[in-house]
Amino acid sequence: MGKANHIANALVQCAVKDSTINLRIFTALTLERPELDNELKRRFLEPALERLFGDYPDLEYAKLMRENKLPQNIVVNEFFFLAGRWLGFPKAQQRYIPANYSHVLIYLLENRINVVAQLVACEDQGYSLSCNPDITADLLKARKQKARQILFSLPKPITIFLLCMVILKLQNRKSI
């Protein structure tokens, strides 16, 4: 729903191909299509699943976890589980983070995440972030504050040099 599955899958595929890439995925929830393993489930759920999921791709990391084929260089941490969804999958249970939603931002900052992938819808009045837009907004604010701390903690000549570089880039951008 709120995950950019195409991007998550591309990152997972890169890490699967190259074991020197360490990929750690933090997610609230891994949504998967329910298995339609009998006729009743198929008849009842299939129309709803088509409306909800359509041709949206399944998450590659979930598939690898279910097949017990997730490479060691990929770690998935979730802080919300659907009841019983990961029974019989010890690694998923061991990497579960029992975080209250109000503490998620702190946990993400402490673990120094460096990529946020979120679906964004273009609207007449601007843009709309998918699920949990408050987390993204708070992460961006924290990044901005950290950048200010770093900038103003540098020795003055370096700070002046950096500011000049920023001004030059802005001037060049206007002339393009």
N, C-alpha and C. Protein backbone atom coordinates (compact mmCIF):
# COMPACT_ATOMS: atom_id res chain seq x y z
N MET A 1 0.83 -1.19 0.00
CA MET A 1 0.00 0.00 0.00
C MET A 1 0.87 1.25 0.00
N GLY A 2 1.71 1.40 1.02
CA GLY A 2 2.53 2.60 1.09
C GLY A 2 3.96 2.36 0.67
N LYS A 3 4.27 1.16 0.30
CA LYS A 3 5.64 0.81 -0.06
C LYS A 3 5.84 0.99 -1.56
N ALA A 4 6.99 1.47 -1.92
CA ALA A 4 7.36 1.55 -3.33
C ALA A 4 7.95 0.19 -3.72
N ASN A 5 7.08 -0.79 -3.97
CA ASN A 5 7.52 -2.17 -4.20
C ASN A 5 8.51 -2.29 -5.35
N HIS A 6 8.31 -1.51 -6.41
CA HIS A 6 9.22 -1.58 -7.55
C HIS A 6 10.64 -1.24 -7.12
N ILE A 7 10.77 -0.19 -6.31
CA ILE A 7 12.09 0.24 -5.84
C ILE A 7 12.66 -0.76 -4.85
N ALA A 8 11.84 -1.20 -3.90
CA ALA A 8 12.29 -2.20 -2.93
C ALA A 8 12.78 -3.45 -3.64
N ASN A 9 12.04 -3.90 -4.65
CA ASN A 9 12.44 -5.09 -5.39
C ASN A 9 13.74 -4.89 -6.15
N ALA A 10 13.93 -3.70 -6.73
CA ALA A 10 15.17 -3.42 -7.45
C ALA A 10 16.37 -3.44 -6.49
N LEU A 11 16.20 -2.86 -5.31
CA LEU A 11 17.28 -2.86 -4.31
C LEU A 11 17.59 -4.28 -3.86
N VAL A 12 16.55 -5.07 -3.62
CA VAL A 12 16.75 -6.46 -3.21
C VAL A 12 17.48 -7.24 -4.30
N GLN A 13 17.07 -7.07 -5.54
CA GLN A 13 17.72 -7.79 -6.64
C GLN A 13 19.20 -7.42 -6.76
N CYS A 14 19.52 -6.14 -6.55
CA CYS A 14 20.94 -5.73 -6.58
C CYS A 14 21.72 -6.41 -5.47
N ALA A 15 21.15 -6.45 -4.26
CA ALA A 15 21.83 -7.08 -3.13
C ALA A 15 21.93 -8.59 -3.29
N VAL A 16 20.96 -9.21 -3.94
CA VAL A 16 21.03 -10.65 -4.19
C VAL A 16 22.18 -10.95 -5.16
N LYS A 17 22.33 -10.12 -6.18
CA LYS A 17 23.39 -10.32 -7.19
C LYS A 17 24.78 -9.98 -6.65
N ASP A 18 24.85 -9.03 -5.73
CA ASP A 18 26.15 -8.56 -5.23
C ASP A 18 26.18 -8.68 -3.71
N SER A 19 26.86 -9.69 -3.21
CA SER A 19 26.86 -9.96 -1.76
C SER A 19 27.66 -8.92 -0.97
N THR A 20 28.36 -8.02 -1.64
CA THR A 20 29.07 -6.96 -0.91
C THR A 20 28.13 -5.82 -0.52
N ILE A 21 26.91 -5.83 -1.07
CA ILE A 21 25.91 -4.83 -0.71
C ILE A 21 25.18 -5.31 0.54
N ASN A 22 25.19 -4.50 1.57
CA ASN A 22 24.44 -4.82 2.79
C ASN A 22 23.16 -3.99 2.77
N LEU A 23 22.05 -4.68 2.67
CA LEU A 23 20.74 -4.03 2.60
C LEU A 23 19.95 -4.35 3.85
N ARG A 24 19.52 -3.30 4.54
CA ARG A 24 18.69 -3.48 5.72
C ARG A 24 17.39 -2.73 5.46
N ILE A 25 16.29 -3.45 5.50
CA ILE A 25 14.98 -2.88 5.22
C ILE A 25 14.21 -2.73 6.52
N PHE A 26 13.79 -1.50 6.81
CA PHE A 26 12.92 -1.23 7.95
C PHE A 26 11.53 -1.00 7.39
N THR A 27 10.56 -1.71 7.88
CA THR A 27 9.20 -1.54 7.39
C THR A 27 8.22 -1.78 8.52
N ALA A 28 7.10 -1.10 8.44
CA ALA A 28 6.06 -1.33 9.44
C ALA A 28 5.39 -2.67 9.17
N LEU A 29 5.15 -2.94 7.92
CA LEU A 29 4.32 -4.08 7.57
C LEU A 29 4.66 -4.57 6.17
N THR A 30 4.77 -5.86 6.02
CA THR A 30 4.95 -6.47 4.70
C THR A 30 3.60 -7.01 4.27
N LEU A 31 2.98 -6.29 3.35
CA LEU A 31 1.67 -6.75 2.85
C LEU A 31 1.89 -7.74 1.71
N GLU A 32 1.24 -8.88 1.83
CA GLU A 32 1.33 -9.91 0.80
C GLU A 32 -0.08 -10.33 0.40
N ARG A 33 -0.19 -10.78 -0.82
CA ARG A 33 -1.46 -11.35 -1.25
C ARG A 33 -1.70 -12.64 -0.47
N PRO A 34 -2.91 -12.81 0.05
CA PRO A 34 -3.20 -14.08 0.73
C PRO A 34 -3.16 -15.24 -0.26
N GLU A 35 -2.76 -16.39 0.22
CA GLU A 35 -2.77 -17.59 -0.61
C GLU A 35 -4.21 -18.02 -0.85
N LEU A 36 -4.54 -18.28 -2.08
CA LEU A 36 -5.88 -18.76 -2.43
C LEU A 36 -5.79 -20.27 -2.65
N ASP A 37 -5.59 -20.98 -1.54
CA ASP A 37 -5.30 -22.41 -1.63
C ASP A 37 -6.53 -23.31 -1.61
N ASN A 38 -7.73 -22.72 -1.67
CA ASN A 38 -8.92 -23.55 -1.85
C ASN A 38 -9.98 -22.75 -2.61
N GLU A 39 -10.96 -23.43 -3.10
CA GLU A 39 -11.99 -22.82 -3.96
C GLU A 39 -12.77 -21.72 -3.25
N LEU A 40 -13.11 -21.93 -2.00
CA LEU A 40 -13.88 -20.93 -1.26
C LEU A 40 -13.09 -19.62 -1.12
N LYS A 41 -11.83 -19.75 -0.72
CA LYS A 41 -10.99 -18.55 -0.61
C LYS A 41 -10.87 -17.85 -1.96
N ARG A 42 -10.65 -18.62 -3.00
CA ARG A 42 -10.49 -18.03 -4.33
C ARG A 42 -11.73 -17.27 -4.73
N ARG A 43 -12.89 -17.86 -4.60
CA ARG A 43 -14.14 -17.21 -5.02
C ARG A 43 -14.45 -15.98 -4.16
N PHE A 44 -14.12 -16.05 -2.90
CA PHE A 44 -14.43 -14.95 -1.99
C PHE A 44 -13.44 -13.78 -2.13
N LEU A 45 -12.15 -14.12 -2.19
CA LEU A 45 -11.12 -13.09 -2.14
C LEU A 45 -10.62 -12.58 -3.48
N GLU A 46 -10.69 -13.39 -4.51
CA GLU A 46 -10.10 -13.01 -5.80
C GLU A 46 -10.57 -11.64 -6.31
N PRO A 47 -11.88 -11.34 -6.31
CA PRO A 47 -12.30 -10.01 -6.79
C PRO A 47 -11.72 -8.86 -5.96
N ALA A 48 -11.69 -9.03 -4.65
CA ALA A 48 -11.14 -7.97 -3.79
C ALA A 48 -9.64 -7.82 -4.00
N LEU A 49 -8.94 -8.93 -4.14
CA LEU A 49 -7.50 -8.87 -4.35
C LEU A 49 -7.15 -8.18 -5.66
N GLU A 50 -7.95 -8.41 -6.68
CA GLU A 50 -7.72 -7.73 -7.96
C GLU A 50 -7.87 -6.22 -7.80
N ARG A 51 -8.88 -5.80 -7.05
CA ARG A 51 -9.09 -4.36 -6.83
C ARG A 51 -7.98 -3.78 -5.96
N LEU A 52 -7.56 -4.50 -4.93
CA LEU A 52 -6.56 -3.98 -4.00
C LEU A 52 -5.14 -4.02 -4.55
N PHE A 53 -4.78 -5.13 -5.17
CA PHE A 53 -3.40 -5.31 -5.60
C PHE A 53 -3.21 -5.13 -7.11
N GLY A 54 -4.21 -5.47 -7.91
CA GLY A 54 -4.08 -5.35 -9.37
C GLY A 54 -2.82 -6.03 -9.85
N ASP A 55 -2.05 -5.30 -10.66
CA ASP A 55 -0.80 -5.86 -11.17
C ASP A 55 0.41 -5.34 -10.38
N TYR A 56 0.15 -4.81 -9.17
CA TYR A 56 1.23 -4.31 -8.34
C TYR A 56 2.11 -5.48 -7.92
N PRO A 57 3.43 -5.35 -8.05
CA PRO A 57 4.30 -6.51 -7.81
C PRO A 57 4.38 -6.90 -6.34
N ASP A 58 4.52 -8.20 -6.13
CA ASP A 58 4.75 -8.71 -4.78
C ASP A 58 6.15 -8.32 -4.34
N LEU A 59 6.38 -8.29 -3.04
CA LEU A 59 7.69 -7.94 -2.52
C LEU A 59 8.64 -9.12 -2.62
N GLU A 60 9.75 -8.89 -3.29
CA GLU A 60 10.74 -9.93 -3.53
C GLU A 60 11.34 -10.45 -2.22
N TYR A 61 11.59 -9.55 -1.27
CA TYR A 61 12.20 -10.00 -0.02
C TYR A 61 11.26 -10.93 0.74
N ALA A 62 9.95 -10.69 0.66
CA ALA A 62 8.99 -11.56 1.35
C ALA A 62 9.00 -12.95 0.74
N LYS A 63 9.05 -12.98 -0.58
CA LYS A 63 9.11 -14.26 -1.29
C LYS A 63 10.37 -15.03 -0.89
N LEU A 64 11.51 -14.35 -0.86
CA LEU A 64 12.77 -14.99 -0.48
C LEU A 64 12.73 -15.46 0.98
N MET A 65 12.12 -14.68 1.85
CA MET A 65 12.01 -15.08 3.26
C MET A 65 11.15 -16.34 3.38
N ARG A 66 10.04 -16.38 2.67
CA ARG A 66 9.14 -17.54 2.75
C ARG A 66 9.80 -18.80 2.20
N GLU A 67 10.69 -18.62 1.21
CA GLU A 67 11.40 -19.77 0.62
C GLU A 67 12.68 -20.09 1.38
N ASN A 68 12.95 -19.32 2.46
CA ASN A 68 14.19 -19.46 3.23
C ASN A 68 15.42 -19.27 2.35
N LYS A 69 15.35 -18.30 1.43
CA LYS A 69 16.44 -18.03 0.49
C LYS A 69 16.95 -16.59 0.59
N LEU A 70 16.58 -15.88 1.63
CA LEU A 70 17.04 -14.51 1.79
C LEU A 70 18.53 -14.54 2.14
N PRO A 71 19.38 -13.91 1.30
CA PRO A 71 20.83 -13.93 1.58
C PRO A 71 21.16 -13.22 2.89
N GLN A 72 22.31 -13.55 3.45
CA GLN A 72 22.73 -12.97 4.73
C GLN A 72 22.98 -11.47 4.65
N ASN A 73 23.25 -10.96 3.46
CA ASN A 73 23.52 -9.53 3.32
C ASN A 73 22.24 -8.69 3.25
N ILE A 74 21.09 -9.35 3.36
CA ILE A 74 19.81 -8.63 3.39
C ILE A 74 19.12 -8.94 4.72
N VAL A 75 18.78 -7.87 5.45
CA VAL A 75 18.10 -8.01 6.73
C VAL A 75 16.80 -7.22 6.65
N VAL A 76 15.72 -7.84 7.09
CA VAL A 76 14.42 -7.18 7.10
C VAL A 76 13.96 -7.05 8.54
N ASN A 77 13.69 -5.80 8.95
CA ASN A 77 13.15 -5.53 10.28
C ASN A 77 11.75 -4.96 10.12
N GLU A 78 10.79 -5.59 10.77
CA GLU A 78 9.42 -5.08 10.77
C GLU A 78 9.04 -4.70 12.18
N PHE A 79 8.19 -3.68 12.31
CA PHE A 79 7.71 -3.32 13.63
C PHE A 79 6.21 -3.51 13.77
N PHE A 80 5.61 -4.23 12.83
CA PHE A 80 4.22 -4.64 12.96
C PHE A 80 4.05 -5.93 12.17
N PHE A 81 3.48 -6.93 12.79
CA PHE A 81 3.21 -8.21 12.12
C PHE A 81 1.71 -8.44 12.05
N LEU A 82 1.25 -8.95 10.94
CA LEU A 82 -0.11 -9.47 10.90
C LEU A 82 -0.12 -10.74 11.73
N ALA A 83 -1.14 -10.92 12.52
CA ALA A 83 -1.21 -12.07 13.43
C ALA A 83 -1.01 -13.37 12.69
N GLY A 84 -0.02 -14.13 13.12
CA GLY A 84 0.23 -15.47 12.57
C GLY A 84 0.88 -15.50 11.20
N ARG A 85 1.13 -14.36 10.60
CA ARG A 85 1.64 -14.34 9.21
C ARG A 85 3.05 -14.92 9.09
N TRP A 86 3.87 -14.76 10.11
CA TRP A 86 5.24 -15.25 10.03
C TRP A 86 5.51 -16.40 11.00
N LEU A 87 4.47 -17.15 11.37
CA LEU A 87 4.68 -18.35 12.18
C LEU A 87 5.53 -19.34 11.40
N GLY A 88 6.49 -19.94 12.06
CA GLY A 88 7.34 -20.92 11.40
C GLY A 88 8.49 -20.30 10.63
N PHE A 89 8.71 -19.00 10.79
CA PHE A 89 9.82 -18.32 10.12
C PHE A 89 10.66 -17.62 11.19
N PRO A 90 11.59 -18.37 11.80
CA PRO A 90 12.35 -17.83 12.94
C PRO A 90 13.09 -16.53 12.64
N LYS A 91 13.70 -16.39 11.46
CA LYS A 91 14.46 -15.16 11.18
C LYS A 91 13.55 -13.94 11.18
N ALA A 92 12.37 -14.09 10.62
CA ALA A 92 11.43 -12.96 10.61
C ALA A 92 11.05 -12.59 12.04
N GLN A 93 10.81 -13.60 12.86
CA GLN A 93 10.42 -13.34 14.25
C GLN A 93 11.58 -12.75 15.05
N GLN A 94 12.80 -13.21 14.80
CA GLN A 94 13.96 -12.72 15.54
C GLN A 94 14.30 -11.28 15.16
N ARG A 95 13.96 -10.87 13.97
CA ARG A 95 14.28 -9.51 13.51
C ARG A 95 13.12 -8.54 13.68
N TYR A 96 12.06 -9.02 14.28
CA TYR A 96 10.91 -8.18 14.58
C TYR A 96 11.30 -7.14 15.63
N ILE A 97 10.85 -5.91 15.44
CA ILE A 97 11.14 -4.83 16.38
C ILE A 97 9.84 -4.43 17.05
N PRO A 98 9.68 -4.72 18.34
CA PRO A 98 8.43 -4.38 19.01
C PRO A 98 8.39 -2.90 19.39
N ALA A 99 8.30 -2.05 18.37
CA ALA A 99 8.34 -0.60 18.59
C ALA A 99 6.94 -0.02 18.56
N ASN A 100 6.65 0.81 19.53
CA ASN A 100 5.43 1.59 19.50
C ASN A 100 5.59 2.60 18.36
N TYR A 101 4.51 2.88 17.66
CA TYR A 101 4.60 3.78 16.51
C TYR A 101 5.22 5.13 16.88
N SER A 102 4.97 5.61 18.09
CA SER A 102 5.51 6.90 18.52
C SER A 102 7.03 6.87 18.68
N HIS A 103 7.65 5.69 18.69
CA HIS A 103 9.09 5.56 18.84
C HIS A 103 9.81 5.21 17.54
N VAL A 104 9.07 5.03 16.47
CA VAL A 104 9.67 4.58 15.21
C VAL A 104 10.69 5.58 14.68
N LEU A 105 10.35 6.86 14.70
CA LEU A 105 11.27 7.88 14.20
C LEU A 105 12.61 7.81 14.93
N ILE A 106 12.57 7.71 16.24
CA ILE A 106 13.80 7.64 17.03
C ILE A 106 14.60 6.40 16.63
N TYR A 107 13.92 5.29 16.46
CA TYR A 107 14.61 4.05 16.09
C TYR A 107 15.27 4.19 14.71
N LEU A 108 14.57 4.79 13.77
CA LEU A 108 15.13 4.98 12.42
C LEU A 108 16.34 5.90 12.46
N LEU A 109 16.26 6.98 13.23
CA LEU A 109 17.38 7.91 13.33
C LEU A 109 18.59 7.25 14.00
N GLU A 110 18.34 6.47 15.04
CA GLU A 110 19.44 5.78 15.73
C GLU A 110 20.14 4.79 14.81
N ASN A 111 19.40 4.22 13.88
CA ASN A 111 19.98 3.24 12.96
C ASN A 111 20.48 3.87 11.66
N ARG A 112 20.45 5.20 11.62
CA ARG A 112 21.05 5.98 10.53
C ARG A 112 20.60 5.51 9.14
N ILE A 113 19.29 5.44 8.94
CA ILE A 113 18.80 5.05 7.63
C ILE A 113 19.26 6.08 6.60
N ASN A 114 19.46 5.63 5.36
CA ASN A 114 19.94 6.56 4.35
C ASN A 114 19.08 6.59 3.09
N VAL A 115 18.03 5.81 3.05
CA VAL A 115 17.11 5.84 1.91
C VAL A 115 15.69 5.71 2.45
N VAL A 116 14.81 6.56 1.96
CA VAL A 116 13.38 6.45 2.27
C VAL A 116 12.68 6.28 0.94
N ALA A 117 11.94 5.20 0.80
CA ALA A 117 11.18 4.96 -0.43
C ALA A 117 9.70 4.96 -0.07
N GLN A 118 8.97 5.88 -0.66
CA GLN A 118 7.56 6.01 -0.32
C GLN A 118 6.79 6.39 -1.58
N LEU A 119 5.60 5.84 -1.73
CA LEU A 119 4.77 6.21 -2.86
C LEU A 119 4.29 7.65 -2.71
N VAL A 120 4.30 8.38 -3.82
CA VAL A 120 3.85 9.77 -3.82
C VAL A 120 2.84 9.93 -4.95
N ALA A 121 1.69 10.50 -4.62
CA ALA A 121 0.67 10.76 -5.64
C ALA A 121 0.66 12.24 -5.97
N CYS A 122 0.56 12.55 -7.24
CA CYS A 122 0.48 13.93 -7.69
C CYS A 122 -0.98 14.35 -7.68
N GLU A 123 -1.26 15.45 -6.99
CA GLU A 123 -2.62 15.96 -6.89
C GLU A 123 -2.67 17.37 -7.46
N ASP A 124 -3.87 17.89 -7.68
CA ASP A 124 -4.03 19.25 -8.21
C ASP A 124 -3.34 20.28 -7.34
N GLN A 125 -3.40 20.10 -6.04
CA GLN A 125 -2.87 21.07 -5.08
C GLN A 125 -1.42 20.79 -4.68
N GLY A 126 -0.81 19.76 -5.22
CA GLY A 126 0.56 19.41 -4.84
C GLY A 126 0.75 17.91 -4.84
N TYR A 127 1.40 17.41 -3.79
CA TYR A 127 1.71 15.99 -3.70
C TYR A 127 1.14 15.41 -2.42
N SER A 128 0.86 14.11 -2.47
CA SER A 128 0.34 13.41 -1.31
C SER A 128 1.21 12.18 -1.06
N LEU A 129 1.75 12.08 0.15
CA LEU A 129 2.53 10.91 0.53
C LEU A 129 1.59 9.79 0.95
N SER A 130 1.99 8.58 0.64
CA SER A 130 1.18 7.43 1.03
C SER A 130 1.29 7.21 2.53
N CYS A 131 1.12 6.01 2.98
CA CYS A 131 1.07 5.67 4.41
C CYS A 131 2.17 6.34 5.23
N ASN A 132 1.82 6.74 6.42
CA ASN A 132 2.74 7.29 7.41
C ASN A 132 3.52 8.52 6.93
N PRO A 133 2.85 9.51 6.38
CA PRO A 133 3.58 10.69 5.88
C PRO A 133 4.27 11.47 6.99
N ASP A 134 3.80 11.33 8.22
CA ASP A 134 4.42 12.05 9.33
C ASP A 134 5.84 11.58 9.57
N ILE A 135 6.10 10.29 9.40
CA ILE A 135 7.45 9.76 9.59
C ILE A 135 8.40 10.39 8.58
N THR A 136 7.98 10.44 7.31
CA THR A 136 8.83 11.02 6.26
C THR A 136 9.09 12.49 6.54
N ALA A 137 8.06 13.23 6.88
CA ALA A 137 8.23 14.66 7.16
C ALA A 137 9.19 14.86 8.34
N ASP A 138 9.04 14.06 9.38
CA ASP A 138 9.92 14.17 10.55
C ASP A 138 11.36 13.76 10.22
N LEU A 139 11.52 12.75 9.36
CA LEU A 139 12.87 12.35 8.94
C LEU A 139 13.54 13.48 8.15
N LEU A 140 12.79 14.14 7.27
CA LEU A 140 13.36 15.24 6.49
C LEU A 140 13.74 16.40 7.40
N LYS A 141 12.92 16.71 8.39
CA LYS A 141 13.25 17.77 9.36
C LYS A 141 14.53 17.41 10.12
N ALA A 142 14.63 16.16 10.56
CA ALA A 142 15.81 15.72 11.31
C ALA A 142 17.06 15.80 10.44
N ARG A 143 16.93 15.45 9.17
CA ARG A 143 18.07 15.53 8.25
C ARG A 143 18.52 16.98 8.09
N LYS A 144 17.56 17.87 7.97
CA LYS A 144 17.87 19.29 7.81
C LYS A 144 18.58 19.82 9.06
N GLN A 145 18.10 19.44 10.23
CA GLN A 145 18.73 19.88 11.49
C GLN A 145 20.15 19.33 11.60
N LYS A 146 20.33 18.08 11.23
CA LYS A 146 21.66 17.46 11.29
C LYS A 146 22.61 18.16 10.33
N ALA A 147 22.13 18.51 9.14
CA ALA A 147 22.96 19.20 8.16
C ALA A 147 23.40 20.56 8.72
N ARG A 148 22.49 21.27 9.38
CA ARG A 148 22.83 22.56 9.99
C ARG A 148 23.89 22.37 11.08
N GLN A 149 23.72 21.34 11.90
CA GLN A 149 24.69 21.08 12.97
C GLN A 149 26.07 20.84 12.39
N ILE A 150 26.13 20.04 11.34
CA ILE A 150 27.42 19.72 10.71
C ILE A 150 28.02 20.99 10.11
N LEU A 151 27.22 21.74 9.37
CA LEU A 151 27.71 22.94 8.70
C LEU A 151 28.27 23.94 9.69
N PHE A 152 27.54 24.20 10.79
CA PHE A 152 27.98 25.22 11.73
C PHE A 152 29.03 24.73 12.72
N SER A 153 29.33 23.44 12.70
CA SER A 153 30.39 22.93 13.56
C SER A 153 31.74 22.90 12.84
N LEU A 154 31.74 23.18 11.53
CA LEU A 154 32.98 23.17 10.76
C LEU A 154 33.79 24.43 11.04
N PRO A 155 35.12 24.36 10.86
CA PRO A 155 35.92 25.59 10.99
C PRO A 155 35.45 26.64 9.98
N LYS A 156 35.59 27.91 10.31
CA LYS A 156 35.03 28.98 9.49
C LYS A 156 35.50 28.97 8.04
N PRO A 157 36.79 28.80 7.73
CA PRO A 157 37.17 28.82 6.30
C PRO A 157 36.46 27.74 5.48
N ILE A 158 36.30 26.57 6.07
CA ILE A 158 35.62 25.49 5.36
C ILE A 158 34.14 25.85 5.17
N THR A 159 33.53 26.43 6.19
CA THR A 159 32.14 26.84 6.10
C THR A 159 31.96 27.85 4.99
N ILE A 160 32.84 28.85 4.92
CA ILE A 160 32.75 29.87 3.87
C ILE A 160 32.92 29.22 2.51
N PHE A 161 33.86 28.29 2.38
CA PHE A 161 34.08 27.60 1.11
C PHE A 161 32.82 26.84 0.69
N LEU A 162 32.21 26.12 1.64
CA LEU A 162 31.00 25.36 1.33
C LEU A 162 29.87 26.29 0.90
N LEU A 163 29.72 27.42 1.61
CA LEU A 163 28.67 28.37 1.25
C LEU A 163 28.90 28.94 -0.14
N CYS A 164 30.15 29.23 -0.47
CA CYS A 164 30.47 29.72 -1.82
C CYS A 164 30.12 28.68 -2.88
N MET A 165 30.41 27.43 -2.59
CA MET A 165 30.09 26.35 -3.55
C MET A 165 28.58 26.26 -3.75
N VAL A 166 27.81 26.41 -2.69
CA VAL A 166 26.35 26.36 -2.79
C VAL A 166 25.85 27.53 -3.62
N ILE A 167 26.39 28.74 -3.37
CA ILE A 167 25.97 29.92 -4.13
C ILE A 167 26.31 29.75 -5.60
N LEU A 168 27.48 29.23 -5.91
CA LEU A 168 27.87 29.01 -7.32
C LEU A 168 26.93 28.02 -7.99
N LYS A 169 26.58 26.96 -7.30
CA LYS A 169 25.66 25.98 -7.87
C LYS A 169 24.30 26.61 -8.14
N LEU A 170 23.82 27.42 -7.22
CA LEU A 170 22.53 28.08 -7.41
C LEU A 170 22.58 29.04 -8.60
N GLN A 171 23.67 29.77 -8.73
CA GLN A 171 23.80 30.69 -9.86
C GLN A 171 23.82 29.93 -11.18
N ASN A 172 24.55 28.84 -11.23
CA ASN A 172 24.59 28.04 -12.45
C ASN A 172 23.23 27.46 -12.78
N ARG A 173 22.48 27.06 -11.79
CA ARG A 173 21.17 26.47 -12.01
C ARG A 173 20.23 27.50 -12.64
N LYS A 174 20.34 28.77 -12.21
CA LYS A 174 19.48 29.81 -12.76
C LYS A 174 19.80 30.11 -14.21
N SER A 175 21.06 29.94 -14.60
CA SER A 175 21.45 30.29 -15.96
C SER A 175 21.15 29.17 -16.96
N ILE A 176 20.78 28.02 -16.48
CA ILE A 176 20.52 26.88 -17.38
C ILE A 176 19.15 27.03 -18.04
